[in-house]
N, C-alpha and C. Protein backbone atom coordinates (compact mmCIF):
# COMPACT_ATOMS: atom_id res chain seq x y z
N UNK A 1 25.94 -4.94 14.51
CA UNK A 1 25.15 -4.70 13.57
C UNK A 1 24.38 -3.20 14.25
N UNK A 2 24.65 -2.16 13.86
CA UNK A 2 23.57 -1.30 14.52
C UNK A 2 22.61 -1.24 13.35
N UNK A 3 21.48 -1.24 13.75
CA UNK A 3 19.95 -1.11 13.19
C UNK A 3 19.28 0.32 13.03
N UNK A 4 19.13 1.15 11.91
CA UNK A 4 18.43 2.15 12.00
C UNK A 4 16.56 2.00 11.58
N UNK A 5 16.11 2.42 11.88
CA UNK A 5 14.69 1.83 11.75
C UNK A 5 14.00 3.18 11.98
N UNK A 6 13.05 3.46 11.05
CA UNK A 6 12.55 4.56 10.78
C UNK A 6 11.84 5.14 11.77
N UNK A 7 11.25 6.17 12.23
CA UNK A 7 10.87 6.78 13.17
C UNK A 7 9.24 6.78 13.09
N UNK A 8 8.84 5.67 12.65
CA UNK A 8 7.42 5.45 12.41
C UNK A 8 6.89 4.13 13.36
N UNK A 9 5.38 3.81 13.53
CA UNK A 9 4.93 2.94 14.18
C UNK A 9 5.45 1.34 13.00
N UNK A 10 5.04 0.36 13.10
CA UNK A 10 5.49 -0.86 12.22
C UNK A 10 4.00 -0.68 11.17
N UNK A 11 3.09 -0.34 11.73
CA UNK A 11 2.28 -0.36 10.52
C UNK A 11 1.25 -1.46 11.06
N UNK A 12 1.47 -1.97 11.97
CA UNK A 12 1.03 -3.21 12.82
C UNK A 12 -0.03 -2.65 13.96
N UNK A 13 -0.03 -1.34 14.14
CA UNK A 13 -1.20 -1.09 15.47
C UNK A 13 -2.52 -1.64 14.85
N UNK A 14 -3.42 -1.81 15.82
CA UNK A 14 -4.52 -2.16 15.88
C UNK A 14 -5.32 -1.29 14.20
N UNK A 15 -5.90 -0.03 14.17
CA UNK A 15 -5.92 0.40 12.76
C UNK A 15 -5.90 -0.13 11.61
N UNK A 16 -4.72 -0.06 11.25
CA UNK A 16 -3.78 -0.68 9.86
C UNK A 16 -3.89 -2.07 9.79
N UNK A 17 -3.82 -2.88 11.02
CA UNK A 17 -3.85 -4.04 10.54
C UNK A 17 -5.23 -4.41 10.62
N UNK A 18 -5.73 -4.19 11.29
CA UNK A 18 -7.47 -4.63 11.30
C UNK A 18 -8.07 -4.26 10.03
N UNK A 19 -7.66 -3.01 9.60
CA UNK A 19 -8.39 -2.68 8.06
C UNK A 19 -7.89 -3.82 7.12
N UNK A 20 -6.70 -4.41 7.36
CA UNK A 20 -6.11 -5.31 5.95
C UNK A 20 -6.94 -6.52 6.27
N UNK A 21 -7.20 -6.65 7.61
CA UNK A 21 -7.99 -8.20 7.71
C UNK A 21 -9.12 -8.19 7.00
N UNK A 22 -10.11 -6.84 7.11
CA UNK A 22 -11.24 -6.53 6.55
C UNK A 22 -10.95 -6.50 5.16
N UNK A 23 -9.96 -6.42 4.42
CA UNK A 23 -9.62 -6.29 3.07
C UNK A 23 -9.39 -7.77 2.58
N UNK A 24 -8.63 -8.50 3.33
CA UNK A 24 -8.31 -10.09 2.99
C UNK A 24 -9.93 -10.39 2.87
N UNK A 25 -10.66 -10.42 4.18
CA UNK A 25 -11.90 -10.98 4.04
C UNK A 25 -12.68 -10.85 2.90
N UNK A 26 -12.84 -9.58 2.28
CA UNK A 26 -13.67 -9.13 1.72
C UNK A 26 -12.88 -9.64 0.36
N UNK A 27 -11.98 -10.12 0.26
CA UNK A 27 -11.34 -10.75 -1.01
C UNK A 27 -11.26 -11.95 -1.09
N UNK A 28 -12.45 -12.77 0.01
CA UNK A 28 -11.91 -14.05 0.24
C UNK A 28 -13.45 -14.37 -1.02
N UNK A 29 -14.11 -14.04 -1.23
CA UNK A 29 -15.31 -14.47 -2.40
C UNK A 29 -14.65 -13.89 -3.82
N UNK A 30 -15.29 -14.29 -4.83
CA UNK A 30 -14.61 -14.11 -6.13
C UNK A 30 -15.54 -13.01 -6.57
N UNK A 31 -16.54 -12.64 -6.23
CA UNK A 31 -17.17 -11.34 -6.32
C UNK A 31 -16.82 -9.75 -5.55
N UNK A 32 -16.41 -10.35 -4.26
CA UNK A 32 -15.36 -9.40 -3.47
C UNK A 32 -14.26 -9.31 -4.16
N UNK A 33 -13.66 -9.96 -4.36
CA UNK A 33 -11.88 -9.62 -4.94
C UNK A 33 -12.04 -8.91 -6.29
N UNK A 34 -12.76 -9.23 -6.98
CA UNK A 34 -13.10 -8.82 -8.60
C UNK A 34 -13.98 -7.16 -8.69
N UNK A 35 -14.63 -7.09 -7.53
CA UNK A 35 -15.09 -5.36 -7.27
C UNK A 35 -14.07 -4.84 -6.48
N UNK A 36 -13.16 -4.98 -5.42
CA UNK A 36 -11.91 -4.41 -5.33
C UNK A 36 -11.26 -3.84 -6.11
N UNK A 37 -10.66 -5.29 -7.06
CA UNK A 37 -10.05 -5.04 -8.01
C UNK A 37 -10.24 -3.67 -9.25
N UNK A 38 -11.71 -3.90 -9.22
CA UNK A 38 -12.07 -2.85 -10.39
C UNK A 38 -12.41 -1.31 -9.56
N UNK A 39 -12.05 -1.12 -8.25
CA UNK A 39 -12.10 -0.18 -7.38
C UNK A 39 -11.39 0.72 -7.60
N UNK A 40 -9.92 0.19 -8.13
CA UNK A 40 -9.12 1.06 -8.60
C UNK A 40 -9.75 1.97 -9.57
N UNK A 41 -10.13 1.85 -10.37
CA UNK A 41 -10.74 2.77 -11.62
C UNK A 41 -11.42 4.11 -10.67
N UNK A 42 -12.07 3.16 -9.74
CA UNK A 42 -12.90 4.01 -8.93
C UNK A 42 -12.68 5.14 -8.23
N UNK A 43 -11.18 4.86 -7.60
CA UNK A 43 -10.57 5.77 -6.37
C UNK A 43 -9.33 6.51 -7.49
N UNK A 44 -9.15 6.33 -8.39
CA UNK A 44 -8.31 7.21 -9.13
C UNK A 44 -9.28 8.25 -10.04
N UNK A 45 -10.51 7.61 -10.28
CA UNK A 45 -11.41 9.29 -10.62
C UNK A 45 -11.66 9.90 -9.75
N UNK A 46 -12.15 9.28 -8.10
CA UNK A 46 -11.88 10.29 -7.31
C UNK A 46 -10.88 10.86 -7.20
N UNK A 47 -9.65 10.48 -7.23
CA UNK A 47 -8.55 11.44 -7.10
C UNK A 47 -8.83 12.70 -8.28
N UNK A 48 -9.14 12.33 -9.49
CA UNK A 48 -9.80 13.43 -10.39
C UNK A 48 -10.36 14.50 -10.04
N UNK A 49 -11.64 13.75 -8.88
CA UNK A 49 -12.59 14.88 -8.84
C UNK A 49 -12.50 14.80 -7.50
N UNK A 50 -11.94 15.64 -6.98
CA UNK A 50 -11.58 15.78 -5.02
C UNK A 50 -12.90 16.02 -4.65
N UNK A 51 -13.94 16.38 -5.34
CA UNK A 51 -15.26 16.79 -4.57
C UNK A 51 -16.13 16.03 -4.81
N UNK A 52 -15.75 14.88 -5.24
CA UNK A 52 -16.28 13.58 -5.01
C UNK A 52 -17.71 13.55 -6.09
N UNK A 53 -17.18 14.16 -7.35
CA UNK A 53 -18.33 14.22 -8.75
C UNK A 53 -17.88 13.62 -9.50
N UNK A 54 -17.10 12.65 -9.50
CA UNK A 54 -16.56 11.73 -10.41
C UNK A 54 -17.68 10.86 -11.11
N UNK A 55 -18.82 10.43 -10.58
CA UNK A 55 -19.92 10.02 -11.23
C UNK A 55 -19.81 8.17 -10.91
N UNK A 56 -18.20 8.12 -10.59
CA UNK A 56 -18.02 6.54 -10.11
C UNK A 56 -18.64 6.02 -8.47
N UNK A 57 -19.67 5.28 -8.56
CA UNK A 57 -19.99 5.18 -7.15
C UNK A 57 -19.23 4.10 -6.50
N UNK A 58 -18.97 4.44 -5.41
CA UNK A 58 -18.30 3.74 -4.03
C UNK A 58 -19.00 2.40 -3.56
N UNK A 59 -20.40 2.06 -4.14
CA UNK A 59 -21.35 1.15 -3.69
C UNK A 59 -20.24 0.08 -3.71
N UNK A 60 -19.81 -0.48 -4.63
CA UNK A 60 -19.33 -2.17 -4.71
C UNK A 60 -18.30 -2.56 -3.70
N UNK A 61 -17.56 -1.04 -3.50
CA UNK A 61 -16.73 -1.23 -2.13
C UNK A 61 -16.98 -1.31 -1.25
N UNK A 62 -17.99 -0.47 -0.41
CA UNK A 62 -18.51 -0.30 0.60
C UNK A 62 -19.31 -1.82 0.92
N UNK A 63 -20.20 -2.13 -0.21
CA UNK A 63 -20.88 -3.27 -0.39
C UNK A 63 -20.21 -4.53 0.22
N UNK A 64 -18.96 -4.93 -0.21
CA UNK A 64 -17.67 -5.89 0.49
C UNK A 64 -17.13 -5.43 1.49
N UNK A 65 -16.54 -4.56 1.62
CA UNK A 65 -15.87 -3.97 2.95
C UNK A 65 -16.43 -3.88 4.09
N UNK A 66 -17.75 -3.18 4.06
CA UNK A 66 -18.32 -3.14 5.55
C UNK A 66 -19.01 -4.65 5.78
N UNK A 67 -19.56 -5.67 4.70
CA UNK A 67 -19.63 -6.67 5.14
C UNK A 67 -19.06 -7.52 6.06
N UNK A 68 -17.52 -7.04 5.47
CA UNK A 68 -16.25 -7.66 6.18
C UNK A 68 -16.07 -6.92 7.36
N UNK A 69 -16.63 -5.86 7.85
CA UNK A 69 -16.36 -5.36 9.04
C UNK A 69 -15.76 -3.97 8.88
N UNK A 70 -15.61 -3.60 7.76
CA UNK A 70 -14.95 -2.01 7.65
C UNK A 70 -15.99 -1.07 8.28
N UNK A 71 -14.67 -0.27 9.10
CA UNK A 71 -15.39 1.04 9.20
C UNK A 71 -14.58 2.08 9.07
N UNK A 72 -15.68 3.21 8.38
CA UNK A 72 -15.00 4.21 7.45
C UNK A 72 -14.15 5.46 8.54
N UNK A 73 -13.04 5.76 8.23
CA UNK A 73 -12.48 6.49 9.08
C UNK A 73 -12.83 8.04 9.43
N UNK A 74 -12.53 8.48 9.92
CA UNK A 74 -13.23 9.78 11.10
C UNK A 74 -13.44 10.98 10.03
N UNK A 75 -12.63 10.88 9.06
CA UNK A 75 -12.76 11.80 7.93
C UNK A 75 -12.60 11.45 6.24
N UNK A 76 -13.31 12.18 5.13
CA UNK A 76 -13.75 11.68 4.15
C UNK A 76 -12.28 11.52 3.58
N UNK A 77 -11.12 12.63 3.88
CA UNK A 77 -9.67 12.48 2.94
C UNK A 77 -8.90 11.36 3.19
N UNK A 78 -9.46 10.59 4.85
CA UNK A 78 -8.58 9.75 4.86
C UNK A 78 -9.07 8.47 4.09
N UNK A 79 -10.28 8.46 3.70
CA UNK A 79 -10.96 7.32 3.07
C UNK A 79 -10.62 6.93 1.59
N UNK A 80 -9.94 8.04 1.06
CA UNK A 80 -9.22 7.39 -0.32
C UNK A 80 -8.18 6.46 -0.07
N UNK A 81 -7.21 6.92 1.07
CA UNK A 81 -5.85 5.74 0.63
C UNK A 81 -6.43 4.44 1.30
N UNK A 82 -7.24 4.36 2.18
CA UNK A 82 -8.08 3.43 2.59
C UNK A 82 -8.10 2.25 1.20
N UNK A 83 -8.89 3.17 0.50
CA UNK A 83 -9.53 2.62 -0.65
C UNK A 83 -8.99 1.63 -1.56
N UNK A 84 -7.71 2.84 -1.97
CA UNK A 84 -6.46 2.40 -2.56
C UNK A 84 -5.69 1.47 -2.20
N UNK A 85 -5.17 1.42 -0.91
CA UNK A 85 -4.68 0.20 -0.77
C UNK A 85 -5.34 -0.97 -0.67
N UNK A 86 -6.67 -0.94 -0.69
CA UNK A 86 -7.45 -2.01 -0.68
C UNK A 86 -7.68 -2.65 -2.07
N UNK A 87 -8.03 -1.95 -3.11
CA UNK A 87 -7.70 -2.12 -4.46
C UNK A 87 -6.68 -2.35 -4.91
N UNK A 88 -5.39 -1.97 -4.27
CA UNK A 88 -4.21 -2.28 -4.79
C UNK A 88 -3.70 -3.76 -4.29
N UNK A 89 -4.28 -4.29 -2.98
CA UNK A 89 -4.18 -5.61 -2.37
C UNK A 89 -4.89 -6.74 -3.45
N UNK A 90 -6.09 -6.03 -3.54
CA UNK A 90 -6.81 -7.15 -4.24
C UNK A 90 -6.16 -7.57 -5.48
N UNK A 91 -5.63 -6.53 -6.25
CA UNK A 91 -5.29 -6.46 -7.46
C UNK A 91 -3.83 -7.82 -7.57
N UNK A 92 -2.75 -7.34 -6.66
CA UNK A 92 -1.50 -8.01 -6.49
C UNK A 92 -1.45 -9.07 -5.84
N UNK A 93 -2.26 -8.76 -4.58
CA UNK A 93 -1.59 -9.85 -3.41
C UNK A 93 -2.65 -11.01 -2.98
N UNK A 94 -3.94 -10.35 -3.28
CA UNK A 94 -5.33 -11.37 -3.16
C UNK A 94 -5.20 -12.77 -3.48
N UNK A 95 -5.32 -13.72 -3.10
CA UNK A 95 -5.29 -14.82 -3.41
C UNK A 95 -6.83 -15.32 -4.40
N UNK A 96 -6.76 -16.29 -5.42
CA UNK A 96 -7.62 -16.34 -6.24
C UNK A 96 -8.68 -17.05 -5.39
N UNK A 97 -9.96 -16.69 -4.79
CA UNK A 97 -10.76 -17.76 -4.15
C UNK A 97 -11.46 -19.20 -4.93
N UNK A 98 -11.14 -18.67 -6.34
CA UNK A 98 -11.98 -19.74 -7.02
C UNK A 98 -11.02 -21.03 -6.82
N UNK A 99 -9.67 -20.80 -6.52
CA UNK A 99 -9.00 -21.87 -6.99
C UNK A 99 -7.98 -22.00 -5.44
N UNK A 100 -8.60 -21.43 -4.38
CA UNK A 100 -8.01 -21.53 -3.11
C UNK A 100 -8.50 -22.89 -2.43
N UNK A 101 -8.26 -23.72 -1.55
CA UNK A 101 -8.57 -24.50 -0.81
C UNK A 101 -9.77 -24.13 -0.16
N UNK A 102 -9.39 -22.98 0.47
CA UNK A 102 -10.48 -22.40 2.09
C UNK A 102 -10.72 -21.11 1.25
N UNK A 103 -12.03 -20.48 1.69
CA UNK A 103 -12.41 -19.13 1.55
C UNK A 103 -11.32 -18.24 2.48
N UNK A 104 -11.11 -18.52 3.31
CA UNK A 104 -10.35 -17.89 5.26
C UNK A 104 -9.10 -16.98 4.53
N UNK A 105 -8.78 -16.01 4.46
CA UNK A 105 -7.82 -15.22 4.29
C UNK A 105 -6.21 -15.56 5.09
N UNK A 106 -5.13 -15.81 3.94
CA UNK A 106 -4.08 -16.50 4.66
C UNK A 106 -3.64 -15.21 5.79
N UNK A 107 -2.69 -15.71 6.77
CA UNK A 107 -2.35 -14.77 7.39
C UNK A 107 -1.49 -13.94 6.77
N UNK A 108 -1.41 -12.61 7.30
CA UNK A 108 -0.26 -11.74 6.89
C UNK A 108 1.18 -11.77 7.28
N UNK A 109 1.83 -11.53 6.10
CA UNK A 109 3.16 -12.24 6.64
C UNK A 109 3.58 -10.67 7.23
N UNK A 110 4.39 -11.37 8.19
CA UNK A 110 4.79 -9.86 9.07
C UNK A 110 6.15 -9.39 8.52
N UNK A 111 6.11 -8.03 8.84
CA UNK A 111 6.86 -7.42 8.39
C UNK A 111 8.05 -6.47 9.51
N UNK A 112 9.07 -5.41 9.25
CA UNK A 112 9.81 -4.52 9.97
C UNK A 112 9.24 -3.37 9.77
N UNK A 113 9.48 -2.39 10.92
CA UNK A 113 8.96 -1.25 10.41
C UNK A 113 9.97 -0.22 9.48
N UNK A 114 10.72 -0.66 8.84
CA UNK A 114 11.44 -0.01 7.80
C UNK A 114 11.14 -0.69 6.35
N UNK A 115 10.45 -1.87 6.28
CA UNK A 115 9.80 -2.07 4.92
C UNK A 115 8.85 -1.31 4.48
N UNK A 116 9.02 -0.27 4.06
CA UNK A 116 8.31 0.80 3.62
C UNK A 116 8.90 0.98 1.71
N UNK A 117 8.36 1.81 1.12
CA UNK A 117 9.05 2.02 -0.34
C UNK A 117 10.13 2.26 -0.20
N UNK A 118 10.99 2.72 0.31
CA UNK A 118 12.49 2.95 0.42
C UNK A 118 13.22 1.34 0.50
N UNK A 119 12.72 0.81 1.36
CA UNK A 119 13.00 -0.83 1.36
C UNK A 119 12.79 -1.56 -0.05
N UNK A 120 11.43 -1.30 -0.31
CA UNK A 120 11.32 -1.88 -1.61
C UNK A 120 12.16 -1.63 -2.75
N UNK A 121 12.44 -0.39 -2.76
CA UNK A 121 13.47 0.00 -3.87
C UNK A 121 14.77 -0.39 -3.38
N UNK A 122 15.36 -0.69 -2.66
CA UNK A 122 16.40 -1.24 -2.02
C UNK A 122 16.57 -2.70 -2.67
N UNK A 123 15.25 -3.27 -2.43
CA UNK A 123 15.57 -4.88 -2.66
C UNK A 123 15.52 -5.11 -4.10
N UNK A 124 14.67 -4.07 -4.89
CA UNK A 124 14.69 -4.55 -6.44
C UNK A 124 16.43 -4.00 -6.89
N UNK A 125 16.93 -3.17 -6.56
CA UNK A 125 18.44 -3.28 -6.63
C UNK A 125 19.16 -4.30 -6.49
N UNK A 126 19.06 -5.08 -4.95
CA UNK A 126 19.67 -6.29 -5.01
C UNK A 126 19.27 -7.18 -5.68
N UNK A 127 17.82 -7.24 -6.20
CA UNK A 127 17.86 -8.49 -7.10
C UNK A 127 18.25 -7.95 -8.64
N UNK A 128 18.51 -7.01 -8.97
CA UNK A 128 19.34 -6.61 -10.40
C UNK A 128 18.23 -6.01 -11.21
N UNK A 129 16.86 -5.92 -10.78
CA UNK A 129 15.79 -5.51 -11.53
C UNK A 129 16.17 -3.94 -12.19
N UNK A 130 16.53 -2.93 -10.83
CA UNK A 130 16.91 -1.66 -11.29
C UNK A 130 17.99 -1.47 -10.85
N UNK A 131 18.64 -0.15 -11.50
CA UNK A 131 20.01 -0.28 -10.83
C UNK A 131 19.75 0.77 -9.66
N UNK A 132 20.84 1.04 -9.11
CA UNK A 132 20.93 1.87 -8.03
C UNK A 132 20.34 3.33 -8.30
N UNK A 133 21.28 3.68 -9.46
CA UNK A 133 20.56 5.60 -9.73
C UNK A 133 18.87 5.39 -10.12
N UNK A 134 18.55 4.93 -10.89
CA UNK A 134 17.47 4.66 -11.31
C UNK A 134 16.20 4.47 -10.12
N UNK A 135 16.90 3.25 -9.43
CA UNK A 135 16.00 3.21 -8.14
C UNK A 135 15.72 4.55 -7.32
N UNK A 136 16.54 5.11 -7.28
CA UNK A 136 16.95 6.21 -6.08
C UNK A 136 16.23 7.28 -6.95
N UNK A 137 16.40 7.45 -8.24
CA UNK A 137 15.51 8.83 -9.25
C UNK A 137 14.01 8.08 -9.06
N UNK A 138 13.60 7.31 -8.83
CA UNK A 138 12.43 6.64 -9.00
C UNK A 138 11.42 7.35 -7.67
N UNK A 139 12.32 6.74 -7.04
CA UNK A 139 11.67 6.76 -5.18
C UNK A 139 11.80 8.31 -4.84
N UNK A 140 13.06 9.22 -5.78
CA UNK A 140 13.41 10.69 -5.42
C UNK A 140 12.08 11.48 -5.78
N UNK A 141 11.23 11.03 -6.82
CA UNK A 141 10.24 11.59 -7.90
C UNK A 141 9.15 11.02 -6.88
N UNK A 142 8.76 10.29 -6.34
CA UNK A 142 7.26 10.03 -5.39
C UNK A 142 7.64 10.80 -4.13
N UNK A 143 8.95 11.02 -4.03
CA UNK A 143 8.74 11.56 -2.30
C UNK A 143 8.65 13.15 -2.58
N UNK A 144 8.77 13.43 -3.90
CA UNK A 144 8.64 15.07 -3.89
C UNK A 144 6.87 15.80 -4.72
N UNK A 145 6.38 14.65 -4.44
CA UNK A 145 4.77 14.81 -4.86
C UNK A 145 4.10 15.08 -3.30
N UNK A 146 2.86 15.70 -4.14
CA UNK A 146 1.90 15.77 -2.98
C UNK A 146 0.88 14.58 -2.38
N UNK A 147 0.28 14.63 -1.83
CA UNK A 147 -0.51 13.33 -1.42
C UNK A 147 -1.12 13.00 -2.74
N UNK A 148 -1.98 13.67 -3.15
CA UNK A 148 -3.15 13.04 -4.29
C UNK A 148 -2.06 12.91 -5.50
N UNK A 149 -1.37 13.32 -5.82
CA UNK A 149 -0.47 12.75 -6.91
C UNK A 149 0.32 11.95 -6.70
N UNK A 150 1.00 11.87 -5.55
CA UNK A 150 1.49 10.38 -4.89
C UNK A 150 0.66 9.06 -5.23
N UNK A 151 -0.75 9.16 -4.79
CA UNK A 151 -1.68 8.29 -4.98
C UNK A 151 -1.78 7.81 -6.39
N UNK A 152 -2.06 9.23 -7.14
CA UNK A 152 -2.26 8.71 -8.83
C UNK A 152 -0.87 8.19 -9.16
N UNK A 153 0.24 8.25 -9.00
CA UNK A 153 1.49 7.73 -9.32
C UNK A 153 1.64 6.23 -8.84
N UNK A 154 1.06 6.00 -7.47
CA UNK A 154 1.57 4.42 -7.07
C UNK A 154 1.23 3.50 -7.92
N UNK A 155 0.17 3.56 -8.19
CA UNK A 155 -0.08 2.04 -8.86
C UNK A 155 0.63 1.37 -9.97
N UNK A 156 0.82 1.97 -10.74
CA UNK A 156 1.97 1.49 -11.49
C UNK A 156 3.42 1.15 -10.78
N UNK A 157 3.84 1.91 -10.03
CA UNK A 157 5.08 1.77 -9.49
C UNK A 157 4.83 0.30 -8.54
N UNK A 158 3.74 0.17 -7.68
CA UNK A 158 3.34 -1.15 -7.33
C UNK A 158 3.44 -2.19 -8.13
N UNK A 159 2.74 -2.01 -9.34
CA UNK A 159 2.89 -2.95 -9.86
C UNK A 159 4.06 -3.36 -10.47
N UNK A 160 4.77 -2.91 -10.58
CA UNK A 160 6.47 -3.05 -11.02
C UNK A 160 7.11 -3.57 -9.87
N UNK A 161 7.07 -3.31 -8.53
CA UNK A 161 7.71 -3.84 -7.67
C UNK A 161 7.08 -5.33 -7.31
N UNK A 162 5.69 -5.17 -7.39
CA UNK A 162 5.33 -6.81 -7.27
C UNK A 162 5.76 -7.93 -8.56
N UNK A 163 5.79 -7.08 -9.85
CA UNK A 163 6.37 -8.01 -11.06
C UNK A 163 7.80 -8.62 -10.44
N UNK A 164 8.50 -7.78 -9.86
CA UNK A 164 9.72 -8.31 -9.32
C UNK A 164 9.57 -9.27 -8.03
N UNK A 165 8.45 -9.59 -7.81
CA UNK A 165 8.22 -10.47 -6.46
C UNK A 165 8.89 -9.85 -5.16
N UNK A 166 8.79 -8.30 -4.96
CA UNK A 166 8.94 -7.50 -3.99
C UNK A 166 8.06 -7.24 -3.49
N UNK A 167 8.21 -7.76 -1.74
CA UNK A 167 6.98 -7.46 -1.16
C UNK A 167 6.51 -6.33 -0.55
N UNK A 168 4.88 -5.73 -0.85
CA UNK A 168 4.45 -4.76 -0.30
C UNK A 168 3.95 -4.73 1.27
N UNK A 169 4.17 -3.69 2.19
CA UNK A 169 3.74 -3.99 3.91
C UNK A 169 2.68 -2.87 3.61
N UNK A 170 1.55 -3.45 2.82
CA UNK A 170 0.07 -2.62 2.71
C UNK A 170 0.06 -2.15 4.27
N UNK A 171 0.21 -1.94 5.42
CA UNK A 171 -0.16 -1.12 6.64
C UNK A 171 0.82 -0.39 6.43
N UNK A 172 1.73 -0.71 5.89
CA UNK A 172 2.86 0.43 6.25
C UNK A 172 2.73 1.69 5.16
N UNK A 173 2.40 1.19 4.07
CA UNK A 173 2.11 2.49 2.79
C UNK A 173 0.91 2.69 2.93
N UNK A 174 -0.58 2.26 3.64
CA UNK A 174 -1.57 3.16 4.12
C UNK A 174 -1.07 4.22 5.20
N UNK A 175 -0.20 3.73 5.94
CA UNK A 175 0.45 4.65 7.30
C UNK A 175 0.87 5.85 6.52
N UNK A 176 1.88 5.59 5.62
CA UNK A 176 2.53 6.74 4.92
C UNK A 176 1.87 7.38 3.98
N UNK A 177 0.64 7.03 3.50
CA UNK A 177 0.05 7.96 2.97
C UNK A 177 -0.94 8.85 3.66
N UNK A 178 -1.14 7.84 5.04
CA UNK A 178 -2.33 9.01 5.87
C UNK A 178 -1.32 10.19 6.25
N UNK A 179 0.14 9.99 6.62
CA UNK A 179 1.12 10.92 7.40
C UNK A 179 1.34 12.07 5.98
N UNK A 180 1.00 11.80 4.89
CA UNK A 180 1.51 12.54 3.98
C UNK A 180 1.51 14.01 4.34
N UNK A 181 0.29 14.46 4.34
CA UNK A 181 -0.49 15.66 4.43
C UNK A 181 0.11 16.63 5.66
N UNK A 182 0.58 15.84 6.74
CA UNK A 182 1.23 16.69 7.80
C UNK A 182 2.52 16.40 8.09
N UNK A 183 2.88 15.38 7.38
CA UNK A 183 4.59 14.99 7.71
C UNK A 183 5.42 14.26 6.79
N UNK A 184 5.20 14.83 5.38
CA UNK A 184 5.85 14.25 4.38
C UNK A 184 7.39 14.23 4.90
N UNK A 185 7.82 15.63 5.48
CA UNK A 185 9.68 15.49 5.73
C UNK A 185 9.56 14.21 6.61
N UNK A 186 9.17 13.80 7.46
CA UNK A 186 9.21 12.73 8.15
C UNK A 186 9.19 11.24 7.34
N UNK A 187 8.12 11.00 6.03
CA UNK A 187 8.10 9.82 5.62
C UNK A 187 9.35 9.92 4.74
N UNK A 188 9.37 10.98 3.80
CA UNK A 188 10.88 11.17 3.22
C UNK A 188 12.18 10.58 3.88
N UNK A 189 12.35 11.14 4.87
CA UNK A 189 13.48 10.58 6.01
C UNK A 189 13.60 9.14 6.02
N UNK A 190 11.92 8.66 6.72
CA UNK A 190 11.88 6.98 6.91
C UNK A 190 12.16 6.40 5.58
N UNK A 191 11.78 6.77 4.18
CA UNK A 191 12.23 6.36 2.95
C UNK A 191 13.88 6.24 2.72
N UNK A 192 14.18 7.20 2.90
CA UNK A 192 15.77 7.51 2.79
C UNK A 192 16.49 6.38 3.95
N UNK A 193 16.33 6.37 4.80
CA UNK A 193 16.94 5.76 5.53
C UNK A 193 16.91 4.02 5.38
N UNK A 194 15.76 3.91 4.78
CA UNK A 194 15.45 2.50 4.64
C UNK A 194 16.09 1.98 3.32
N UNK A 195 16.06 3.14 2.15
CA UNK A 195 16.64 2.73 0.86
C UNK A 195 17.99 2.92 1.17
N UNK A 196 18.67 3.57 1.83
CA UNK A 196 20.07 3.60 2.19
C UNK A 196 21.14 2.86 3.15
N UNK A 197 20.15 2.42 4.27
CA UNK A 197 20.61 1.70 4.95
C UNK A 197 20.15 0.10 4.76
N UNK A 198 19.82 -0.44 3.71
CA UNK A 198 19.71 -1.76 3.69
C UNK A 198 20.52 -2.20 3.17
N UNK A 199 21.18 -3.41 3.38
CA UNK A 199 22.21 -3.81 2.89
C UNK A 199 22.02 -5.76 2.28
N UNK A 200 20.43 -6.07 2.48
CA UNK A 200 19.92 -7.39 2.10
C UNK A 200 18.42 -6.65 1.89
N UNK A 201 17.84 -7.97 1.47
CA UNK A 201 16.35 -7.76 1.23
C UNK A 201 15.48 -7.64 2.56
N UNK A 202 16.23 -8.16 3.65
CA UNK A 202 15.74 -7.86 5.11
C UNK A 202 16.01 -7.39 6.17
N UNK A 203 17.48 -7.05 5.82
CA UNK A 203 18.36 -6.32 7.01
C UNK A 203 18.61 -4.75 6.94
N UNK A 204 18.65 -3.97 7.64
CA UNK A 204 19.20 -2.77 7.52
C UNK A 204 20.65 -3.12 8.03
N UNK A 205 21.22 -1.75 7.28
CA UNK A 205 22.64 -1.72 7.78
C UNK A 205 23.10 -1.44 9.92
């Protein structure tokens, strides 16, 4: 079997993976999980007001993330993708600390370099949740957006994928957001490879 993988790191390099460990730790308390979930509205408001004048305070996010070891990115532009991914993880994947046996965050399930949005949409097709034409159209729509609009549009997309029990490789999603301004063509190619080369939920052609 010939394996075709995207020309991108797996998202598991120290920066992205360590950030997700911080997010899981922050979500291990009821208050942290709740505030990070509410953080989606803060992030969306900031996306509508790129000058930072949305009136929404990021303090609840900083309060939990920094207490868990968060180190803000070098540039302000890189922070919104981090906070967006943190909020989406808190909404869709963070265990409920009130019902968990322990507050320690669970280990993050391993993923492959091709487990990007293209793979996720291919998986939805294999599960019969979407037709291939509809999945290709939805993925193609996202692929043509600028970074800001992509991040605005991604929450309901992630919600639909997770409702179908399709896993999101959060470090890869973050990496693609961060690559988008300078390398959108490469991200699009990676998504296309994963979508068209995946013939099962885990394996590319």
